[in-house]
Amino acid sequence: MIRNLLFQNRAEAGKALGRALVDMKLADPVVLALPRGGVPVGYEVAKALGAPLDVILVRKIGAPGHKEYGIGAVVDGSAMQTVINEAAARMVGADRAYIEREVARELGVIERRREAYRSGPPVPVKGRTVVVIDDGIATGSTAMVALQALAKAGPSRIILAVPVAPRDSLNSLRGLCDDVVCLLMPEPFHAVGAHYRDFGQTSDDEVIRLLEDARLDIEDHADRMG
């Protein structure tokens, strides 16, 4: 556990998380980051583990008129998953028609991001240790749908790893993965960004660059081993 309650930026958080994960001696790991903010963290973790880096494309479903207030999340793939907090949806007046429209809209965003981010097929995860990375967790709805979708892809082990999260959100996710690694569990918890000195928005260009850098790192490593 880190005593300092502030990470300088996502890269520093990723390096600290990578050190914790290296100690676990994971078998055949692959790192899947939640874009966009999880990618700079995931890049450093992938470097530490000598593992490939890919994205898992998940989008939050926001409340009517308050898009930042998440009432669920959606992830694409061979087994598209949607998780809705029904109590929250009722509270904000999100009916079934609204939710269906938002799911369709967010899947469109996922499709565009997939085309922008990936130059080839997704990194295979079947039979591998999958490390799911984000820059932090608040409610856990996005991580929840990511973990549920991944379980259907046949990994041998799923690890959720984040720099900071509230304890109750992590507890709600433990049943969906094999291990949870979290560096900071502040009480009370206010916001993920409160634990970073620099929490500026990650751009699509940075995501694309880091994914390409990670791919080249793996190729260089394979060349050296060959």
C-alpha atoms as a PDB file:
ATOM      1  CA  MET A   1       0.000   0.000   0.000  1.00  0.00           C
ATOM      2  CA  ILE A   2       1.323   3.445  -0.952  1.00  0.00           C
ATOM      3  CA  ARG A   3       1.360   6.031   1.832  1.00  0.00           C
ATOM      4  CA  ASN A   4       1.358   9.062  -0.433  1.00  0.00           C
ATOM      5  CA  LEU A   5      -2.260   9.859  -1.358  1.00  0.00           C
ATOM      6  CA  LEU A   6      -1.326  11.534  -4.642  1.00  0.00           C
ATOM      7  CA  PHE A   7       0.068  10.056  -7.852  1.00  0.00           C
ATOM      8  CA  GLN A   8       1.937  12.529 -10.026  1.00  0.00           C
ATOM      9  CA  ASN A   9       0.136  11.294 -13.153  1.00  0.00           C
ATOM     10  CA  ARG A  10      -1.232   8.122 -14.758  1.00  0.00           C
ATOM     11  CA  ALA A  11       2.229   6.949 -15.840  1.00  0.00           C
ATOM     12  CA  GLU A  12       3.536   7.081 -12.278  1.00  0.00           C
ATOM     13  CA  ALA A  13       0.455   5.214 -11.061  1.00  0.00           C
ATOM     14  CA  GLY A  14       1.025   2.576 -13.742  1.00  0.00           C
ATOM     15  CA  LYS A  15       4.645   2.069 -12.721  1.00  0.00           C
ATOM     16  CA  ALA A  16       3.620   1.578  -9.095  1.00  0.00           C
ATOM     17  CA  LEU A  17       0.873  -0.844 -10.113  1.00  0.00           C
ATOM     18  CA  GLY A  18       3.306  -2.690 -12.370  1.00  0.00           C
ATOM     19  CA  ARG A  19       5.703  -3.248  -9.485  1.00  0.00           C
ATOM     20  CA  ALA A  20       2.904  -4.789  -7.417  1.00  0.00           C
ATOM     21  CA  LEU A  21       1.857  -7.076 -10.262  1.00  0.00           C
ATOM     22  CA  VAL A  22       5.399  -8.217 -11.105  1.00  0.00           C
ATOM     23  CA  ASP A  23       5.635  -9.635  -7.591  1.00  0.00           C
ATOM     24  CA  MET A  24       2.643 -11.901  -8.372  1.00  0.00           C
ATOM     25  CA  LYS A  25       4.651 -13.765 -11.081  1.00  0.00           C
ATOM     26  CA  LEU A  26       1.668 -14.011 -13.419  1.00  0.00           C
ATOM     27  CA  ALA A  27       1.584 -16.769 -16.068  1.00  0.00           C
ATOM     28  CA  ASP A  28       1.186 -15.634 -19.704  1.00  0.00           C
ATOM     29  CA  PRO A  29      -0.314 -12.209 -18.923  1.00  0.00           C
ATOM     30  CA  VAL A  30      -2.125  -9.833 -21.274  1.00  0.00           C
ATOM     31  CA  VAL A  31      -3.078  -6.313 -20.192  1.00  0.00           C
ATOM     32  CA  LEU A  32      -6.464  -4.901 -21.170  1.00  0.00           C
ATOM     33  CA  ALA A  33      -6.928  -1.198 -20.425  1.00  0.00           C
ATOM     34  CA  LEU A  34     -10.152   0.754 -20.250  1.00  0.00           C
ATOM     35  CA  PRO A  35      -9.798   3.750 -22.580  1.00  0.00           C
ATOM     36  CA  ARG A  36      -8.995   6.383 -22.466  1.00  0.00           C
ATOM     37  CA  GLY A  37      -7.587   7.079 -19.007  1.00  0.00           C
ATOM     38  CA  GLY A  38      -6.668   3.471 -18.296  1.00  0.00           C
ATOM     39  CA  VAL A  39      -4.327   3.209 -21.278  1.00  0.00           C
ATOM     40  CA  PRO A  40      -1.376   5.267 -19.877  1.00  0.00           C
ATOM     41  CA  VAL A  41      -1.631   3.202 -16.681  1.00  0.00           C
ATOM     42  CA  GLY A  42      -1.924  -0.035 -18.639  1.00  0.00           C
ATOM     43  CA  TYR A  43       1.059   0.822 -20.832  1.00  0.00           C
ATOM     44  CA  GLU A  44       3.367   1.012 -17.820  1.00  0.00           C
ATOM     45  CA  VAL A  45       1.918  -2.212 -16.397  1.00  0.00           C
ATOM     46  CA  ALA A  46       2.414  -3.996 -19.729  1.00  0.00           C
ATOM     47  CA  LYS A  47       6.039  -2.814 -19.853  1.00  0.00           C
ATOM     48  CA  ALA A  48       6.666  -4.084 -16.333  1.00  0.00           C
ATOM     49  CA  LEU A  49       5.129  -7.479 -17.100  1.00  0.00           C
ATOM     50  CA  GLY A  50       6.551  -7.818 -20.617  1.00  0.00           C
ATOM     51  CA  ALA A  51       2.961  -8.367 -21.717  1.00  0.00           C
ATOM     52  CA  PRO A  52       0.914  -7.264 -24.742  1.00  0.00           C
ATOM     53  CA  LEU A  53      -1.432  -4.317 -24.284  1.00  0.00           C
ATOM     54  CA  ASP A  54      -4.910  -3.980 -25.752  1.00  0.00           C
ATOM     55  CA  VAL A  55      -8.063  -2.054 -24.957  1.00  0.00           C
ATOM     56  CA  ILE A  56     -11.406  -3.308 -23.743  1.00  0.00           C
ATOM     57  CA  LEU A  57     -13.981  -0.964 -25.198  1.00  0.00           C
ATOM     58  CA  VAL A  58     -16.584  -0.040 -22.615  1.00  0.00           C
ATOM     59  CA  ARG A  59     -18.855   2.996 -22.502  1.00  0.00           C
ATOM     60  CA  LYS A  60     -20.825   4.433 -19.622  1.00  0.00           C
ATOM     61  CA  ILE A  61     -24.584   4.912 -20.009  1.00  0.00           C
ATOM     62  CA  GLY A  62     -25.383   8.318 -18.537  1.00  0.00           C
ATOM     63  CA  ALA A  63     -28.552   9.603 -16.921  1.00  0.00           C
ATOM     64  CA  PRO A  64     -30.992  11.797 -18.925  1.00  0.00           C
ATOM     65  CA  GLY A  65     -29.665  15.354 -18.820  1.00  0.00           C
ATOM     66  CA  HIS A  66     -26.693  14.340 -16.639  1.00  0.00           C
ATOM     67  CA  LYS A  67     -24.415  12.187 -18.808  1.00  0.00           C
ATOM     68  CA  GLU A  68     -21.651  12.073 -16.194  1.00  0.00           C
ATOM     69  CA  TYR A  69     -23.953  10.255 -13.756  1.00  0.00           C
ATOM     70  CA  GLY A  70     -23.634   6.632 -14.804  1.00  0.00           C
ATOM     71  CA  ILE A  71     -26.638   4.335 -14.600  1.00  0.00           C
ATOM     72  CA  GLY A  72     -24.853   1.478 -16.356  1.00  0.00           C
ATOM     73  CA  ALA A  73     -22.327   0.523 -18.992  1.00  0.00           C
ATOM     74  CA  VAL A  74     -22.025  -1.397 -22.249  1.00  0.00           C
ATOM     75  CA  VAL A  75     -19.170  -3.349 -23.882  1.00  0.00           C
ATOM     76  CA  ASP A  76     -19.032  -4.728 -27.395  1.00  0.00           C
ATOM     77  CA  GLY A  77     -17.604  -7.998 -28.621  1.00  0.00           C
ATOM     78  CA  SER A  78     -18.772 -11.490 -29.459  1.00  0.00           C
ATOM     79  CA  ALA A  79     -20.882 -11.374 -26.301  1.00  0.00           C
ATOM     80  CA  MET A  80     -22.179  -7.822 -25.980  1.00  0.00           C
ATOM     81  CA  GLN A  81     -22.967  -7.049 -22.348  1.00  0.00           C
ATOM     82  CA  THR A  82     -25.051  -4.324 -20.770  1.00  0.00           C
ATOM     83  CA  VAL A  83     -25.209  -3.679 -17.028  1.00  0.00           C
ATOM     84  CA  ILE A  84     -27.915  -1.335 -15.767  1.00  0.00           C
ATOM     85  CA  ASN A  85     -28.374  -0.130 -12.203  1.00  0.00           C
ATOM     86  CA  GLU A  86     -32.140  -0.453 -12.236  1.00  0.00           C
ATOM     87  CA  ALA A  87     -32.649   1.516  -9.030  1.00  0.00           C
ATOM     88  CA  ALA A  88     -30.544   4.413 -10.335  1.00  0.00           C
ATOM     89  CA  ALA A  89     -32.321   4.288 -13.707  1.00  0.00           C
ATOM     90  CA  ARG A  90     -35.730   4.567 -12.043  1.00  0.00           C
ATOM     91  CA  MET A  91     -34.544   7.384  -9.816  1.00  0.00           C
ATOM     92  CA  VAL A  92     -33.432   9.523 -12.778  1.00  0.00           C
ATOM     93  CA  GLY A  93     -36.378   8.618 -15.023  1.00  0.00           C
ATOM     94  CA  ALA A  94     -34.463   6.528 -17.567  1.00  0.00           C
ATOM     95  CA  ASP A  95     -37.088   4.289 -19.183  1.00  0.00           C
ATOM     96  CA  ARG A  96     -36.423   1.261 -21.392  1.00  0.00           C
ATOM     97  CA  ALA A  97     -36.655   3.263 -24.635  1.00  0.00           C
ATOM     98  CA  TYR A  98     -34.086   5.789 -23.354  1.00  0.00           C
ATOM     99  CA  ILE A  99     -31.713   3.003 -22.293  1.00  0.00           C
ATOM    100  CA  GLU A 100     -32.003   1.238 -25.669  1.00  0.00           C
ATOM    101  CA  ARG A 101     -31.220   4.489 -27.510  1.00  0.00           C
ATOM    102  CA  GLU A 102     -28.199   5.143 -25.297  1.00  0.00           C
ATOM    103  CA  VAL A 103     -26.892   1.588 -25.709  1.00  0.00           C
ATOM    104  CA  ALA A 104     -27.109   1.943 -29.511  1.00  0.00           C
ATOM    105  CA  ARG A 105     -25.390   5.344 -29.391  1.00  0.00           C
ATOM    106  CA  GLU A 106     -22.564   4.160 -27.149  1.00  0.00           C
ATOM    107  CA  LEU A 107     -21.996   1.071 -29.294  1.00  0.00           C
ATOM    108  CA  GLY A 108     -21.539   3.463 -32.220  1.00  0.00           C
ATOM    109  CA  VAL A 109     -18.836   5.277 -30.263  1.00  0.00           C
ATOM    110  CA  ILE A 110     -17.186   1.939 -29.461  1.00  0.00           C
ATOM    111  CA  GLU A 111     -17.189   1.002 -33.144  1.00  0.00           C
ATOM    112  CA  ARG A 112     -15.496   4.273 -34.110  1.00  0.00           C
ATOM    113  CA  ARG A 113     -12.897   3.899 -31.388  1.00  0.00           C
ATOM    114  CA  ARG A 114     -12.169   0.320 -32.368  1.00  0.00           C
ATOM    115  CA  GLU A 115     -11.455   1.455 -35.919  1.00  0.00           C
ATOM    116  CA  ALA A 116      -9.226   4.284 -34.649  1.00  0.00           C
ATOM    117  CA  TYR A 117      -7.301   2.366 -32.014  1.00  0.00           C
ATOM    118  CA  ARG A 118      -6.669  -1.026 -33.586  1.00  0.00           C
ATOM    119  CA  SER A 119      -4.625  -1.778 -36.701  1.00  0.00           C
ATOM    120  CA  GLY A 120      -5.165  -5.524 -36.338  1.00  0.00           C
ATOM    121  CA  PRO A 121      -7.243  -8.110 -34.503  1.00  0.00           C
ATOM    122  CA  PRO A 122      -7.688  -7.991 -30.710  1.00  0.00           C
ATOM    123  CA  VAL A 123      -5.014  -9.647 -28.581  1.00  0.00           C
ATOM    124  CA  PRO A 124      -6.217 -13.197 -27.809  1.00  0.00           C
ATOM    125  CA  VAL A 125      -7.132 -13.807 -24.178  1.00  0.00           C
ATOM    126  CA  LYS A 126      -8.349 -17.424 -24.115  1.00  0.00           C
ATOM    127  CA  GLY A 127      -6.337 -19.468 -21.647  1.00  0.00           C
ATOM    128  CA  ARG A 128      -4.284 -16.448 -20.543  1.00  0.00           C
ATOM    129  CA  THR A 129      -4.024 -14.334 -17.403  1.00  0.00           C
ATOM    130  CA  VAL A 130      -5.952 -11.133 -18.175  1.00  0.00           C
ATOM    131  CA  VAL A 131      -5.112  -8.001 -16.175  1.00  0.00           C
ATOM    132  CA  VAL A 132      -7.870  -5.378 -16.452  1.00  0.00           C
ATOM    133  CA  ILE A 133      -6.571  -1.864 -15.856  1.00  0.00           C
ATOM    134  CA  ASP A 134      -8.188   1.523 -15.303  1.00  0.00           C
ATOM    135  CA  ASP A 135      -6.879   4.767 -13.799  1.00  0.00           C
ATOM    136  CA  GLY A 136      -9.290   4.288 -10.900  1.00  0.00           C
ATOM    137  CA  ILE A 137     -12.762   3.091  -9.964  1.00  0.00           C
ATOM    138  CA  ALA A 138     -15.654   5.093  -8.529  1.00  0.00           C
ATOM    139  CA  THR A 139     -18.974   3.215  -8.746  1.00  0.00           C
ATOM    140  CA  GLY A 140     -17.519   0.187 -10.538  1.00  0.00           C
ATOM    141  CA  SER A 141     -20.248  -0.090 -13.210  1.00  0.00           C
ATOM    142  CA  THR A 142     -17.787   0.114 -16.117  1.00  0.00           C
ATOM    143  CA  ALA A 143     -15.404  -2.404 -14.585  1.00  0.00           C
ATOM    144  CA  MET A 144     -18.327  -4.706 -13.812  1.00  0.00           C
ATOM    145  CA  VAL A 145     -19.462  -5.000 -17.422  1.00  0.00           C
ATOM    146  CA  ALA A 146     -15.865  -5.416 -18.603  1.00  0.00           C
ATOM    147  CA  LEU A 147     -15.289  -8.305 -16.197  1.00  0.00           C
ATOM    148  CA  GLN A 148     -18.572  -9.972 -17.125  1.00  0.00           C
ATOM    149  CA  ALA A 149     -17.776  -9.805 -20.834  1.00  0.00           C
ATOM    150  CA  LEU A 150     -14.232 -11.113 -20.306  1.00  0.00           C
ATOM    151  CA  ALA A 151     -15.435 -14.160 -18.398  1.00  0.00           C
ATOM    152  CA  LYS A 152     -17.126 -15.357 -21.603  1.00  0.00           C
ATOM    153  CA  ALA A 153     -13.837 -15.099 -23.539  1.00  0.00           C
ATOM    154  CA  GLY A 154     -12.253 -18.009 -21.664  1.00  0.00           C
ATOM    155  CA  PRO A 155      -9.228 -16.556 -19.837  1.00  0.00           C
ATOM    156  CA  SER A 156      -7.506 -18.781 -17.298  1.00  0.00           C
ATOM    157  CA  ARG A 157      -7.441 -16.000 -14.716  1.00  0.00           C
ATOM    158  CA  ILE A 158      -8.814 -12.444 -14.440  1.00  0.00           C
ATOM    159  CA  ILE A 159      -7.155  -9.794 -12.282  1.00  0.00           C
ATOM    160  CA  LEU A 160      -8.609  -6.333 -11.741  1.00  0.00           C
ATOM    161  CA  ALA A 161      -5.824  -3.825 -11.042  1.00  0.00           C
ATOM    162  CA  VAL A 162      -6.304  -0.112 -10.350  1.00  0.00           C
ATOM    163  CA  PRO A 163      -4.336   2.597  -8.548  1.00  0.00           C
ATOM    164  CA  VAL A 164      -7.277   3.890  -6.477  1.00  0.00           C
ATOM    165  CA  ALA A 165     -10.847   2.881  -5.638  1.00  0.00           C
ATOM    166  CA  PRO A 166     -13.329   2.870  -2.743  1.00  0.00           C
ATOM    167  CA  ARG A 167     -13.377  -0.341  -0.747  1.00  0.00           C
ATOM    168  CA  ASP A 168     -17.106  -0.977  -1.192  1.00  0.00           C
ATOM    169  CA  SER A 169     -16.888  -0.777  -4.995  1.00  0.00           C
ATOM    170  CA  LEU A 170     -13.986  -3.232  -5.009  1.00  0.00           C
ATOM    171  CA  ASN A 171     -15.908  -5.604  -2.754  1.00  0.00           C
ATOM    172  CA  SER A 172     -18.804  -5.593  -5.225  1.00  0.00           C
ATOM    173  CA  LEU A 173     -16.415  -6.662  -8.012  1.00  0.00           C
ATOM    174  CA  ARG A 174     -14.457  -9.397  -6.254  1.00  0.00           C
ATOM    175  CA  GLY A 175     -16.887 -12.120  -7.260  1.00  0.00           C
ATOM    176  CA  LEU A 176     -16.301 -11.318 -10.954  1.00  0.00           C
ATOM    177  CA  CYS A 177     -12.525 -11.859 -10.968  1.00  0.00           C
ATOM    178  CA  ASP A 178      -9.869 -14.030  -9.397  1.00  0.00           C
ATOM    179  CA  ASP A 179      -7.821 -11.259  -7.758  1.00  0.00           C
ATOM    180  CA  VAL A 180      -8.060  -7.529  -7.074  1.00  0.00           C
ATOM    181  CA  VAL A 181      -4.988  -5.298  -6.798  1.00  0.00           C
ATOM    182  CA  CYS A 182      -5.527  -1.729  -5.601  1.00  0.00           C
ATOM    183  CA  LEU A 183      -2.864   0.617  -4.246  1.00  0.00           C
ATOM    184  CA  LEU A 184      -5.108   3.142  -2.507  1.00  0.00           C
ATOM    185  CA  MET A 185      -8.508   2.647  -0.850  1.00  0.00           C
ATOM    186  CA  PRO A 186      -9.142   6.043   0.745  1.00  0.00           C
ATOM    187  CA  GLU A 187     -11.927   6.603   3.233  1.00  0.00           C
ATOM    188  CA  PRO A 188     -13.926   8.668   2.637  1.00  0.00           C
ATOM    189  CA  PHE A 189     -13.642   8.375  -1.158  1.00  0.00           C
ATOM    190  CA  HIS A 190     -14.542  11.484  -3.180  1.00  0.00           C
ATOM    191  CA  ALA A 191     -13.273  11.092  -6.742  1.00  0.00           C
ATOM    192  CA  VAL A 192     -10.552   9.275  -8.697  1.00  0.00           C
ATOM    193  CA  GLY A 193      -9.029  12.544  -9.918  1.00  0.00           C
ATOM    194  CA  ALA A 194      -8.546  13.766  -6.359  1.00  0.00           C
ATOM    195  CA  HIS A 195      -5.636  11.326  -6.055  1.00  0.00           C
ATOM    196  CA  TYR A 196      -3.666  12.593  -9.060  1.00  0.00           C
ATOM    197  CA  ARG A 197      -1.721  15.831  -9.341  1.00  0.00           C
ATOM    198  CA  ASP A 198      -2.205  15.702 -13.110  1.00  0.00           C
ATOM    199  CA  PHE A 199      -5.524  14.143 -14.160  1.00  0.00           C
ATOM    200  CA  GLY A 200      -5.895  15.806 -17.553  1.00  0.00           C
ATOM    201  CA  GLN A 201      -7.955  14.066 -20.186  1.00  0.00           C
ATOM    202  CA  THR A 202      -6.173  11.377 -22.204  1.00  0.00           C
ATOM    203  CA  SER A 203      -6.509  12.023 -25.952  1.00  0.00           C
ATOM    204  CA  ASP A 204      -7.261   9.491 -28.685  1.00  0.00           C
ATOM    205  CA  ASP A 205      -3.857  10.308 -30.194  1.00  0.00           C
ATOM    206  CA  GLU A 206      -2.127   9.334 -26.955  1.00  0.00           C
ATOM    207  CA  VAL A 207      -4.077   6.068 -26.790  1.00  0.00           C
ATOM    208  CA  ILE A 208      -3.097   5.209 -30.381  1.00  0.00           C
ATOM    209  CA  ARG A 209       0.574   6.082 -29.716  1.00  0.00           C
ATOM    210  CA  LEU A 210       0.782   4.013 -26.537  1.00  0.00           C
ATOM    211  CA  LEU A 211      -0.874   0.981 -28.148  1.00  0.00           C
ATOM    212  CA  GLU A 212       1.613   1.192 -31.028  1.00  0.00           C
ATOM    213  CA  ASP A 213       4.551   1.638 -28.626  1.00  0.00           C
ATOM    214  CA  ALA A 214       3.390  -1.416 -26.666  1.00  0.00           C
ATOM    215  CA  ARG A 215       3.145  -3.470 -29.868  1.00  0.00           C
ATOM    216  CA  LEU A 216       6.688  -2.470 -30.854  1.00  0.00           C
ATOM    217  CA  ASP A 217       7.954  -3.304 -27.350  1.00  0.00           C
ATOM    218  CA  ILE A 218       6.600  -6.847 -27.706  1.00  0.00           C
ATOM    219  CA  GLU A 219       8.092  -7.239 -31.188  1.00  0.00           C
ATOM    220  CA  ASP A 220      11.477  -6.008 -29.966  1.00  0.00           C
ATOM    221  CA  HIS A 221      11.347  -8.424 -27.047  1.00  0.00           C
ATOM    222  CA  ALA A 222      10.479 -11.315 -29.376  1.00  0.00           C
ATOM    223  CA  ASP A 223      13.361 -10.391 -31.694  1.00  0.00           C
ATOM    224  CA  ARG A 224      15.821 -10.350 -28.791  1.00  0.00           C
ATOM    225  CA  MET A 225      14.570 -13.711 -27.506  1.00  0.00           C
ATOM    226  CA  GLY A 226      14.696 -15.166 -31.040  1.00  0.00           C
END
